[in-house]
PDB file of N, CA and C in Angstrom:
ATOM      1  N   MET A   1     112.434-168.317   6.657  1.00  0.00           N
ATOM      2  CA  MET A   1     113.095-167.907   5.806  1.00  0.00           C
ATOM      3  C   MET A   1     113.088-168.687   4.326  1.00  0.00           C
ATOM      4  N   GLY A   2     113.406-168.364   3.377  1.00  0.00           N
ATOM      5  CA  GLY A   2     113.377-169.343   2.289  1.00  0.00           C
ATOM      6  C   GLY A   2     115.205-168.889   2.209  1.00  0.00           C
ATOM      7  N   VAL A   3     115.791-169.969   0.751  1.00  0.00           N
ATOM      8  CA  VAL A   3     117.154-170.542   0.529  1.00  0.00           C
ATOM      9  C   VAL A   3     117.747-169.583  -0.143  1.00  0.00           C
ATOM     10  N   GLY A   4     118.295-168.113  -0.481  1.00  0.00           N
ATOM     11  CA  GLY A   4     119.192-167.428  -0.665  1.00  0.00           C
ATOM     12  C   GLY A   4     119.646-168.774  -2.121  1.00  0.00           C
ATOM     13  N   TYR A   5     119.903-167.570  -3.574  1.00  0.00           N
ATOM     14  CA  TYR A   5     120.796-168.239  -4.344  1.00  0.00           C
ATOM     15  C   TYR A   5     121.929-167.108  -4.815  1.00  0.00           C
ATOM     16  N   SER A   6     123.192-167.374  -4.385  1.00  0.00           N
ATOM     17  CA  SER A   6     124.188-166.148  -5.159  1.00  0.00           C
ATOM     18  C   SER A   6     125.411-167.508  -5.406  1.00  0.00           C
ATOM     19  N   ASP A   7     125.610-167.626  -6.364  1.00  0.00           N
ATOM     20  CA  ASP A   7     126.831-167.555  -7.443  1.00  0.00           C
ATOM     21  C   ASP A   7     127.944-166.754  -7.386  1.00  0.00           C
ATOM     22  N   GLN A   8     128.947-168.301  -7.338  1.00  0.00           N
ATOM     23  CA  GLN A   8     130.054-167.107  -6.682  1.00  0.00           C
ATOM     24  C   GLN A   8     131.395-167.300  -7.870  1.00  0.00           C
ATOM     25  N   TYR A   9     132.407-166.724  -8.026  1.00  0.00           N
ATOM     26  CA  TYR A   9     133.564-166.743  -8.896  1.00  0.00           C
ATOM     27  C   TYR A   9     134.728-166.446  -8.717  1.00  0.00           C
ATOM     28  N   LEU A  10     135.342-167.940  -8.641  1.00  0.00           N
ATOM     29  CA  LEU A  10     136.727-168.177  -7.982  1.00  0.00           C
ATOM     30  C   LEU A  10     138.045-167.894  -8.965  1.00  0.00           C
ATOM     31  N   GLU A  11     138.643-167.439  -8.403  1.00  0.00           N
ATOM     32  CA  GLU A  11     139.925-167.571  -9.652  1.00  0.00           C
ATOM     33  C   GLU A  11     141.125-168.826  -8.763  1.00  0.00           C
ATOM     34  N   GLN A  12     141.525-169.647 -10.295  1.00  0.00           N
ATOM     35  CA  GLN A  12     142.704-170.578  -9.036  1.00  0.00           C
ATOM     36  C   GLN A  12     143.582-169.554  -8.904  1.00  0.00           C
ATOM     37  N   GLY A  13     144.597-169.965  -7.468  1.00  0.00           N
ATOM     38  CA  GLY A  13     145.964-169.578  -7.213  1.00  0.00           C
ATOM     39  C   GLY A  13     145.540-167.721  -6.926  1.00  0.00           C
ATOM     40  N   ALA A  14     143.994-167.848  -6.406  1.00  0.00           N
ATOM     41  CA  ALA A  14     143.943-166.242  -5.770  1.00  0.00           C
ATOM     42  C   ALA A  14     143.296-166.277  -4.740  1.00  0.00           C
ATOM     43  N   THR A  15     143.330-165.472  -4.170  1.00  0.00           N
ATOM     44  CA  THR A  15     142.551-165.412  -2.643  1.00  0.00           C
ATOM     45  C   THR A  15     141.089-165.024  -3.121  1.00  0.00           C
ATOM     46  N   PHE A  16     140.178-165.728  -2.850  1.00  0.00           N
ATOM     47  CA  PHE A  16     138.869-165.478  -2.822  1.00  0.00           C
ATOM     48  C   PHE A  16     138.062-165.295  -1.634  1.00  0.00           C
ATOM     49  N   THR A  17     137.493-163.822  -1.376  1.00  0.00           N
ATOM     50  CA  THR A  17     136.722-163.361  -0.348  1.00  0.00           C
ATOM     51  C   THR A  17     135.618-163.260  -0.968  1.00  0.00           C
ATOM     52  N   THR A  18     134.260-163.348  -0.024  1.00  0.00           N
ATOM     53  CA  THR A  18     133.143-162.657  -0.904  1.00  0.00           C
ATOM     54  C   THR A  18     132.205-163.067   0.810  1.00  0.00           C
ATOM     55  N   THR A  19     131.193-161.973   0.574  1.00  0.00           N
ATOM     56  CA  THR A  19     130.143-161.601   2.000  1.00  0.00           C
ATOM     57  C   THR A  19     129.049-161.870   1.497  1.00  0.00           C
ATOM     58  N   LEU A  20     128.247-162.372   2.633  1.00  0.00           N
ATOM     59  CA  LEU A  20     127.070-162.335   2.227  1.00  0.00           C
ATOM     60  C   LEU A  20     126.267-161.977   2.962  1.00  0.00           C
ATOM     61  N   THR A  21     124.986-160.883   3.409  1.00  0.00           N
ATOM     62  CA  THR A  21     123.731-160.656   3.933  1.00  0.00           C
ATOM     63  C   THR A  21     122.484-161.466   3.710  1.00  0.00           C
ATOM     64  N   LEU A  22     122.721-162.141   4.757  1.00  0.00           N
ATOM     65  CA  LEU A  22     120.864-162.551   5.002  1.00  0.00           C
ATOM     66  C   LEU A  22     119.680-161.897   5.366  1.00  0.00           C
ATOM     67  N   ASP A  23     119.016-161.798   4.916  1.00  0.00           N
ATOM     68  CA  ASP A  23     117.835-161.539   5.616  1.00  0.00           C
ATOM     69  C   ASP A  23     116.806-162.635   6.245  1.00  0.00           C
ATOM     70  N   ASP A  24     115.895-161.548   7.011  1.00  0.00           N
ATOM     71  CA  ASP A  24     114.665-162.797   7.125  1.00  0.00           C
ATOM     72  C   ASP A  24     113.511-162.566   6.208  1.00  0.00           C
ATOM     73  N   ASP A  25     112.577-163.138   7.141  1.00  0.00           N
ATOM     74  CA  ASP A  25     110.876-163.467   6.036  1.00  0.00           C
ATOM     75  C   ASP A  25     110.525-161.785   6.004  1.00  0.00           C
ATOM     76  N   THR A  26     111.138-161.037   6.437  1.00  0.00           N
ATOM     77  CA  THR A  26     110.465-159.094   6.722  1.00  0.00           C
ATOM     78  C   THR A  26     111.572-158.782   6.136  1.00  0.00           C
ATOM     79  N   ASN A  27     112.605-159.077   5.167  1.00  0.00           N
ATOM     80  CA  ASN A  27     112.977-158.825   4.805  1.00  0.00           C
ATOM     81  C   ASN A  27     113.981-158.037   5.159  1.00  0.00           C
ATOM     82  N   SER A  28     114.232-157.602   6.692  1.00  0.00           N
ATOM     83  CA  SER A  28     115.001-156.909   7.760  1.00  0.00           C
ATOM     84  C   SER A  28     116.361-158.066   8.149  1.00  0.00           C
ATOM     85  N   PRO A  29     117.790-157.368   7.941  1.00  0.00           N
ATOM     86  CA  PRO A  29     118.861-158.321   7.974  1.00  0.00           C
ATOM     87  C   PRO A  29     118.736-159.489   9.236  1.00  0.00           C
ATOM     88  N   MET A  30     118.937-160.539   9.176  1.00  0.00           N
ATOM     89  CA  MET A  30     118.346-162.012  10.325  1.00  0.00           C
ATOM     90  C   MET A  30     119.351-161.264  11.412  1.00  0.00           C
ATOM     91  N   ASP A  31     118.899-161.357  12.692  1.00  0.00           N
ATOM     92  CA  ASP A  31     120.116-161.253  13.556  1.00  0.00           C
ATOM     93  C   ASP A  31     121.255-162.998  13.493  1.00  0.00           C
ATOM     94  N   LEU A  32     122.065-162.581  13.610  1.00  0.00           N
ATOM     95  CA  LEU A  32     122.974-163.982  13.645  1.00  0.00           C
ATOM     96  C   LEU A  32     123.419-163.994  14.876  1.00  0.00           C
ATOM     97  N   THR A  33     123.110-163.621  15.997  1.00  0.00           N
ATOM     98  CA  THR A  33     123.969-163.676  16.866  1.00  0.00           C
ATOM     99  C   THR A  33     123.832-164.776  17.753  1.00  0.00           C
ATOM    100  N   GLY A  34     124.370-165.746  18.548  1.00  0.00           N
ATOM    101  CA  GLY A  34     123.789-166.987  18.764  1.00  0.00           C
ATOM    102  C   GLY A  34     124.300-168.313  17.972  1.00  0.00           C
ATOM    103  N   PHE A  35     124.911-168.324  16.685  1.00  0.00           N
ATOM    104  CA  PHE A  35     124.919-169.008  15.504  1.00  0.00           C
ATOM    105  C   PHE A  35     125.657-169.033  15.055  1.00  0.00           C
ATOM    106  N   SER A  36     126.223-170.457  14.451  1.00  0.00           N
ATOM    107  CA  SER A  36     127.803-170.705  13.889  1.00  0.00           C
ATOM    108  C   SER A  36     127.370-170.723  12.256  1.00  0.00           C
ATOM    109  N   ALA A  37     127.916-170.397  11.436  1.00  0.00           N
ATOM    110  CA  ALA A  37     127.792-170.557   9.896  1.00  0.00           C
ATOM    111  C   ALA A  37     129.287-171.660   9.356  1.00  0.00           C
ATOM    112  N   ARG A  38     129.058-172.354   8.256  1.00  0.00           N
ATOM    113  CA  ARG A  38     129.889-172.943   7.713  1.00  0.00           C
ATOM    114  C   ARG A  38     129.673-173.481   6.099  1.00  0.00           C
ATOM    115  N   SER A  39     130.237-173.734   5.055  1.00  0.00           N
ATOM    116  CA  SER A  39     130.209-173.814   3.755  1.00  0.00           C
ATOM    117  C   SER A  39     131.068-174.815   3.026  1.00  0.00           C
ATOM    118  N   MET A  40     130.681-175.344   2.144  1.00  0.00           N
ATOM    119  CA  MET A  40     131.540-176.121   1.236  1.00  0.00           C
ATOM    120  C   MET A  40     130.724-176.030  -0.192  1.00  0.00           C
ATOM    121  N   ALA A  41     131.476-176.087  -0.876  1.00  0.00           N
ATOM    122  CA  ALA A  41     131.860-176.205  -2.317  1.00  0.00           C
ATOM    123  C   ALA A  41     132.144-178.793  -2.837  1.00  0.00           C
ATOM    124  N   ARG A  42     131.375-178.871  -3.717  1.00  0.00           N
ATOM    125  CA  ARG A  42     131.739-179.750  -4.089  1.00  0.00           C
ATOM    126  C   ARG A  42     131.575-180.043  -5.554  1.00  0.00           C
ATOM    127  N   ARG A  43     131.844-181.046  -6.716  1.00  0.00           N
ATOM    128  CA  ARG A  43     131.458-181.079  -7.644  1.00  0.00           C
ATOM    129  C   ARG A  43     130.145-180.982  -8.180  1.00  0.00           C
ATOM    130  N   SER A  44     130.023-182.254  -7.137  1.00  0.00           N
ATOM    131  CA  SER A  44     127.781-182.145  -7.223  1.00  0.00           C
ATOM    132  C   SER A  44     127.503-182.199  -5.756  1.00  0.00           C
ATOM    133  N   TYR A  45     126.352-182.527  -5.892  1.00  0.00           N
ATOM    134  CA  TYR A  45     125.657-182.940  -4.336  1.00  0.00           C
ATOM    135  C   TYR A  45     125.715-184.283  -3.812  1.00  0.00           C
ATOM    136  N   SER A  46     125.931-184.811  -4.803  1.00  0.00           N
ATOM    137  CA  SER A  46     125.628-186.056  -4.948  1.00  0.00           C
ATOM    138  C   SER A  46     127.321-187.145  -4.237  1.00  0.00           C
ATOM    139  N   SER A  47     128.666-185.833  -4.359  1.00  0.00           N
ATOM    140  CA  SER A  47     129.869-185.670  -4.437  1.00  0.00           C
ATOM    141  C   SER A  47     130.072-186.502  -2.822  1.00  0.00           C
ATOM    142  N   ALA A  48     131.194-187.295  -2.765  1.00  0.00           N
ATOM    143  CA  ALA A  48     131.460-188.367  -1.599  1.00  0.00           C
ATOM    144  C   ALA A  48     131.906-187.516  -0.517  1.00  0.00           C
ATOM    145  N   ASN A  49     132.972-186.446  -1.349  1.00  0.00           N
ATOM    146  CA  ASN A  49     134.401-185.452  -0.113  1.00  0.00           C
ATOM    147  C   ASN A  49     134.301-183.921  -1.179  1.00  0.00           C
ATOM    148  N   ALA A  50     134.471-183.525   0.258  1.00  0.00           N
ATOM    149  CA  ALA A  50     134.166-181.484  -0.429  1.00  0.00           C
ATOM    150  C   ALA A  50     135.975-180.988  -1.500  1.00  0.00           C
ATOM    151  N   THR A  51     135.542-180.393  -2.645  1.00  0.00           N
ATOM    152  CA  THR A  51     136.500-179.676  -3.232  1.00  0.00           C
ATOM    153  C   THR A  51     136.676-178.413  -2.096  1.00  0.00           C
ATOM    154  N   ILE A  52     135.983-178.054  -1.680  1.00  0.00           N
ATOM    155  CA  ILE A  52     136.638-176.833  -0.958  1.00  0.00           C
ATOM    156  C   ILE A  52     135.813-176.298  -0.003  1.00  0.00           C
ATOM    157  N   VAL A  53     136.433-176.100   1.375  1.00  0.00           N
ATOM    158  CA  VAL A  53     135.827-176.421   2.338  1.00  0.00           C
ATOM    159  C   VAL A  53     136.259-174.579   2.924  1.00  0.00           C
ATOM    160  N   PHE A  54     135.352-173.875   2.604  1.00  0.00           N
ATOM    161  CA  PHE A  54     135.186-172.182   3.094  1.00  0.00           C
ATOM    162  C   PHE A  54     135.807-171.690   4.820  1.00  0.00           C
ATOM    163  N   ASP A  55     136.204-171.430   4.341  1.00  0.00           N
ATOM    164  CA  ASP A  55     137.120-170.441   6.286  1.00  0.00           C
ATOM    165  C   ASP A  55     135.673-169.483   6.004  1.00  0.00           C
ATOM    166  N   THR A  56     134.261-169.490   6.850  1.00  0.00           N
ATOM    167  CA  THR A  56     132.922-168.972   7.114  1.00  0.00           C
ATOM    168  C   THR A  56     132.831-168.698   8.612  1.00  0.00           C
ATOM    169  N   THR A  57     132.721-167.400   8.430  1.00  0.00           N
ATOM    170  CA  THR A  57     132.944-166.681  10.044  1.00  0.00           C
ATOM    171  C   THR A  57     131.780-165.486   9.087  1.00  0.00           C
ATOM    172  N   ILE A  58     131.059-164.986  11.053  1.00  0.00           N
ATOM    173  CA  ILE A  58     130.175-164.201  11.076  1.00  0.00           C
ATOM    174  C   ILE A  58     131.037-163.272  11.219  1.00  0.00           C
ATOM    175  N   ILE A  59     131.039-162.165  10.579  1.00  0.00           N
ATOM    176  CA  ILE A  59     131.545-161.271  10.480  1.00  0.00           C
ATOM    177  C   ILE A  59     130.478-159.918  11.361  1.00  0.00           C
ATOM    178  N   ASP A  60     129.455-159.514  10.724  1.00  0.00           N
ATOM    179  CA  ASP A  60     128.717-158.688  11.844  1.00  0.00           C
ATOM    180  C   ASP A  60     126.598-159.576  12.200  1.00  0.00           C
ATOM    181  N   ALA A  61     126.891-160.329  13.225  1.00  0.00           N
ATOM    182  CA  ALA A  61     126.084-160.951  13.272  1.00  0.00           C
ATOM    183  C   ALA A  61     124.392-160.537  13.881  1.00  0.00           C
ATOM    184  N   SER A  62     124.321-159.120  14.090  1.00  0.00           N
ATOM    185  CA  SER A  62     123.567-158.187  13.873  1.00  0.00           C
ATOM    186  C   SER A  62     122.461-158.001  13.078  1.00  0.00           C
ATOM    187  N   ASN A  63     123.711-157.604  12.128  1.00  0.00           N
ATOM    188  CA  ASN A  63     123.259-157.670  10.736  1.00  0.00           C
ATOM    189  C   ASN A  63     123.026-158.366   9.077  1.00  0.00           C
ATOM    190  N   GLY A  64     123.273-159.780   9.779  1.00  0.00           N
ATOM    191  CA  GLY A  64     123.636-161.047   9.385  1.00  0.00           C
ATOM    192  C   GLY A  64     124.363-161.374   8.246  1.00  0.00           C
ATOM    193  N   VAL A  65     125.524-160.532   8.739  1.00  0.00           N
ATOM    194  CA  VAL A  65     126.846-160.898   7.471  1.00  0.00           C
ATOM    195  C   VAL A  65     127.898-162.175   7.384  1.00  0.00           C
ATOM    196  N   ILE A  66     128.066-162.742   6.657  1.00  0.00           N
ATOM    197  CA  ILE A  66     128.726-163.892   6.721  1.00  0.00           C
ATOM    198  C   ILE A  66     129.812-163.670   5.615  1.00  0.00           C
ATOM    199  N   GLN A  67     130.899-163.674   6.168  1.00  0.00           N
ATOM    200  CA  GLN A  67     132.096-163.781   5.427  1.00  0.00           C
ATOM    201  C   GLN A  67     133.123-165.474   4.927  1.00  0.00           C
ATOM    202  N   LEU A  68     132.666-165.351   3.851  1.00  0.00           N
ATOM    203  CA  LEU A  68     133.504-166.833   3.027  1.00  0.00           C
ATOM    204  C   LEU A  68     134.717-166.623   2.295  1.00  0.00           C
ATOM    205  N   ALA A  69     135.732-167.404   2.711  1.00  0.00           N
ATOM    206  CA  ALA A  69     137.444-166.840   2.475  1.00  0.00           C
ATOM    207  C   ALA A  69     138.018-168.258   2.120  1.00  0.00           C
ATOM    208  N   VAL A  70     138.765-167.871   1.001  1.00  0.00           N
ATOM    209  CA  VAL A  70     139.608-169.023   0.497  1.00  0.00           C
ATOM    210  C   VAL A  70     140.935-168.902   0.467  1.00  0.00           C
ATOM    211  N   ASP A  71     142.096-169.413   0.836  1.00  0.00           N
ATOM    212  CA  ASP A  71     143.394-168.709   0.853  1.00  0.00           C
ATOM    213  C   ASP A  71     144.052-169.165  -0.914  1.00  0.00           C
ATOM    214  N   SER A  72     144.865-168.290  -1.194  1.00  0.00           N
ATOM    215  CA  SER A  72     145.672-168.683  -2.321  1.00  0.00           C
ATOM    216  C   SER A  72     145.769-170.512  -2.606  1.00  0.00           C
ATOM    217  N   ALA A  73     146.489-171.005  -1.382  1.00  0.00           N
ATOM    218  CA  ALA A  73     147.636-171.964  -1.745  1.00  0.00           C
ATOM    219  C   ALA A  73     145.708-172.910  -2.175  1.00  0.00           C
ATOM    220  N   THR A  74     145.190-172.734  -1.035  1.00  0.00           N
ATOM    221  CA  THR A  74     143.822-174.002  -0.985  1.00  0.00           C
ATOM    222  C   THR A  74     142.999-173.584  -2.808  1.00  0.00           C
ATOM    223  N   SER A  75     143.043-172.140  -3.649  1.00  0.00           N
ATOM    224  CA  SER A  75     142.253-172.649  -4.917  1.00  0.00           C
ATOM    225  C   SER A  75     143.380-172.567  -5.695  1.00  0.00           C
ATOM    226  N   ALA A  76     144.393-172.738  -5.558  1.00  0.00           N
ATOM    227  CA  ALA A  76     145.468-173.320  -6.382  1.00  0.00           C
ATOM    228  C   ALA A  76     144.961-174.903  -6.789  1.00  0.00           C
ATOM    229  N   ASN A  77     144.816-175.104  -6.132  1.00  0.00           N
ATOM    230  CA  ASN A  77     144.251-176.974  -5.983  1.00  0.00           C
ATOM    231  C   ASN A  77     143.003-177.156  -6.274  1.00  0.00           C
ATOM    232  N   VAL A  78     141.932-175.993  -6.270  1.00  0.00           N
ATOM    233  CA  VAL A  78     140.632-176.484  -7.023  1.00  0.00           C
ATOM    234  C   VAL A  78     140.919-176.685  -8.823  1.00  0.00           C
ATOM    235  N   PRO A  79     140.362-177.404  -9.315  1.00  0.00           N
ATOM    236  CA  PRO A  79     140.022-177.902 -10.148  1.00  0.00           C
ATOM    237  C   PRO A  79     139.459-176.693 -10.591  1.00  0.00           C
ATOM    238  N   ALA A  80     139.498-176.750 -12.129  1.00  0.00           N
ATOM    239  CA  ALA A  80     138.648-175.144 -13.363  1.00  0.00           C
ATOM    240  C   ALA A  80     137.242-176.240 -13.132  1.00  0.00           C
ATOM    241  N   GLY A  81     136.221-175.464 -13.685  1.00  0.00           N
ATOM    242  CA  GLY A  81     135.111-175.563 -13.749  1.00  0.00           C
ATOM    243  C   GLY A  81     133.769-175.331 -12.759  1.00  0.00           C
ATOM    244  N   ARG A  82     132.919-176.177 -12.886  1.00  0.00           N
ATOM    245  CA  ARG A  82     131.332-175.822 -12.228  1.00  0.00           C
ATOM    246  C   ARG A  82     131.615-176.261 -10.643  1.00  0.00           C
ATOM    247  N   LEU A  83     130.982-175.892  -9.251  1.00  0.00           N
ATOM    248  CA  LEU A  83     130.993-176.640  -8.216  1.00  0.00           C
ATOM    249  C   LEU A  83     129.737-176.668  -7.543  1.00  0.00           C
ATOM    250  N   VAL A  84     128.776-177.367  -6.573  1.00  0.00           N
ATOM    251  CA  VAL A  84     128.094-176.617  -6.536  1.00  0.00           C
ATOM    252  C   VAL A  84     128.001-176.077  -4.810  1.00  0.00           C
ATOM    253  N   TYR A  85     127.805-175.006  -4.468  1.00  0.00           N
ATOM    254  CA  TYR A  85     127.726-175.183  -2.629  1.00  0.00           C
ATOM    255  C   TYR A  85     126.791-174.870  -2.046  1.00  0.00           C
ATOM    256  N   ASP A  86     126.887-174.596  -0.600  1.00  0.00           N
ATOM    257  CA  ASP A  86     125.944-173.848  -0.371  1.00  0.00           C
ATOM    258  C   ASP A  86     126.384-173.762   1.211  1.00  0.00           C
ATOM    259  N   VAL A  87     125.295-172.976   1.770  1.00  0.00           N
ATOM    260  CA  VAL A  87     125.993-172.287   3.471  1.00  0.00           C
ATOM    261  C   VAL A  87     124.797-172.823   4.493  1.00  0.00           C
ATOM    262  N   VAL A  88     125.235-173.365   5.299  1.00  0.00           N
ATOM    263  CA  VAL A  88     124.574-173.705   6.716  1.00  0.00           C
ATOM    264  C   VAL A  88     124.586-172.750   7.718  1.00  0.00           C
ATOM    265  N   ILE A  89     123.351-172.677   8.772  1.00  0.00           N
ATOM    266  CA  ILE A  89     123.942-171.671  10.160  1.00  0.00           C
ATOM    267  C   ILE A  89     123.165-172.765  10.930  1.00  0.00           C
ATOM    268  N   LYS A  90     124.049-172.597  11.969  1.00  0.00           N
ATOM    269  CA  LYS A  90     123.839-173.797  13.145  1.00  0.00           C
ATOM    270  C   LYS A  90     123.689-172.422  14.399  1.00  0.00           C
ATOM    271  N   GLU A  91     121.959-172.923  14.932  1.00  0.00           N
ATOM    272  CA  GLU A  91     121.777-171.916  16.067  1.00  0.00           C
ATOM    273  C   GLU A  91     122.035-172.932  17.456  1.00  0.00           C
ATOM    274  N   LEU A  92     123.135-172.529  18.186  1.00  0.00           N
ATOM    275  CA  LEU A  92     123.943-172.802  19.445  1.00  0.00           C
ATOM    276  C   LEU A  92     122.980-173.042  20.449  1.00  0.00           C
ATOM    277  N   SER A  93     122.212-172.464  20.718  1.00  0.00           N
ATOM    278  CA  SER A  93     121.322-172.828  21.807  1.00  0.00           C
ATOM    279  C   SER A  93     120.795-174.072  21.328  1.00  0.00           C
ATOM    280  N   SER A  94     120.053-174.856  20.236  1.00  0.00           N
ATOM    281  CA  SER A  94     119.136-175.386  20.479  1.00  0.00           C
ATOM    282  C   SER A  94     119.719-176.650  18.605  1.00  0.00           C
ATOM    283  N   ASN A  95     121.311-176.884  18.717  1.00  0.00           N
ATOM    284  CA  ASN A  95     121.701-177.261  17.592  1.00  0.00           C
ATOM    285  C   ASN A  95     120.376-177.270  16.252  1.00  0.00           C
ATOM    286  N   VAL A  96     119.831-176.392  15.744  1.00  0.00           N
ATOM    287  CA  VAL A  96     118.796-176.652  14.648  1.00  0.00           C
ATOM    288  C   VAL A  96     119.658-175.946  13.216  1.00  0.00           C
ATOM    289  N   VAL A  97     119.641-176.999  12.498  1.00  0.00           N
ATOM    290  CA  VAL A  97     120.596-176.408  11.434  1.00  0.00           C
ATOM    291  C   VAL A  97     120.139-175.966  10.233  1.00  0.00           C
ATOM    292  N   THR A  98     120.391-174.728   9.345  1.00  0.00           N
ATOM    293  CA  THR A  98     119.315-174.494   8.628  1.00  0.00           C
ATOM    294  C   THR A  98     120.214-174.112   7.651  1.00  0.00           C
ATOM    295  N   ARG A  99     119.984-174.745   5.892  1.00  0.00           N
ATOM    296  CA  ARG A  99     120.966-173.937   5.520  1.00  0.00           C
ATOM    297  C   ARG A  99     119.954-172.677   4.770  1.00  0.00           C
ATOM    298  N   VAL A 100     120.787-171.696   4.022  1.00  0.00           N
ATOM    299  CA  VAL A 100     120.164-170.236   3.843  1.00  0.00           C
ATOM    300  C   VAL A 100     120.903-169.525   2.680  1.00  0.00           C
ATOM    301  N   VAL A 101     122.116-170.276   2.050  1.00  0.00           N
ATOM    302  CA  VAL A 101     122.316-169.611   0.448  1.00  0.00           C
ATOM    303  C   VAL A 101     122.494-171.085   0.114  1.00  0.00           C
ATOM    304  N   GLU A 102     122.499-171.004  -1.553  1.00  0.00           N
ATOM    305  CA  GLU A 102     122.960-172.033  -2.336  1.00  0.00           C
ATOM    306  C   GLU A 102     123.031-171.876  -3.655  1.00  0.00           C
ATOM    307  N   GLY A 103     123.914-171.775  -4.665  1.00  0.00           N
ATOM    308  CA  GLY A 103     124.199-171.779  -6.106  1.00  0.00           C
ATOM    309  C   GLY A 103     125.813-172.428  -6.003  1.00  0.00           C
ATOM    310  N   ILE A 104     126.204-171.705  -7.125  1.00  0.00           N
ATOM    311  CA  ILE A 104     127.543-172.297  -8.153  1.00  0.00           C
ATOM    312  C   ILE A 104     128.790-171.390  -7.657  1.00  0.00           C
ATOM    313  N   VAL A 105     129.848-171.961  -8.161  1.00  0.00           N
ATOM    314  CA  VAL A 105     130.910-171.274  -7.852  1.00  0.00           C
ATOM    315  C   VAL A 105     131.542-172.070  -9.323  1.00  0.00           C
ATOM    316  N   TYR A 106     131.923-170.901  -9.552  1.00  0.00           N
ATOM    317  CA  TYR A 106     132.724-171.643 -10.752  1.00  0.00           C
ATOM    318  C   TYR A 106     134.247-170.925 -10.918  1.00  0.00           C
ATOM    319  N   VAL A 107     135.137-171.609 -10.762  1.00  0.00           N
ATOM    320  CA  VAL A 107     136.317-171.420 -11.034  1.00  0.00           C
ATOM    321  C   VAL A 107     136.696-171.415 -12.375  1.00  0.00           C
ATOM    322  N   SER A 108     137.620-170.361 -12.686  1.00  0.00           N
ATOM    323  CA  SER A 108     138.757-170.095 -14.123  1.00  0.00           C
ATOM    324  C   SER A 108     139.819-170.646 -13.652  1.00  0.00           C
ATOM    325  N   PRO A 109     140.263-171.368 -14.680  1.00  0.00           N
ATOM    326  CA  PRO A 109     142.075-171.225 -14.403  1.00  0.00           C
ATOM    327  C   PRO A 109     142.771-170.459 -14.719  1.00  0.00           C
ATOM    328  N   ALA A 110     144.277-170.513 -13.846  1.00  0.00           N
ATOM    329  CA  ALA A 110     144.931-169.543 -14.015  1.00  0.00           C
ATOM    330  C   ALA A 110     146.404-170.620 -14.778  1.00  0.00           C
ATOM    331  N   ALA A 111     147.154-169.382 -14.925  1.00  0.00           N
ATOM    332  CA  ALA A 111     148.381-170.252 -15.966  1.00  0.00           C
ATOM    333  C   ALA A 111     149.153-169.679 -14.990  1.00  0.00           C
ATOM    334  N   THR A 112     148.560-168.203 -13.825  1.00  0.00           N
ATOM    335  CA  THR A 112     149.914-167.957 -13.150  1.00  0.00           C
ATOM    336  C   THR A 112     149.639-167.979 -12.079  1.00  0.00           C
ATOM    337  N   TYR A 113     149.886-169.014 -11.180  1.00  0.00           N
ATOM    338  CA  TYR A 113     150.214-168.771  -9.506  1.00  0.00           C
ATOM    339  C   TYR A 113     151.250-169.478  -8.815  1.00  0.00           C
TER     340      TYR A 113
END
């Protein structure tokens, strides 16, 4: 399975939620039963610390659906600009970790929050 690419748009001070649907090599939904997922965003791939740690949930394992979320209090503290992010899955039986999605998070500034 190749790594997918998906840009995200986050507004400072707002609740952020998005869903990602993963496909396998045959373009069928990837079965995520027996997997966990995690996702982070950073200023650059070489940044030492994550700017955002997404609440990452597999919401429909048999259809390959993952949800990323950030609450409004957390997004209020994210500086405006561009971040890089990715999503990795871990097969629980073997501990094999695979990157499945990568992209840019565009953070728009807010005047009110």
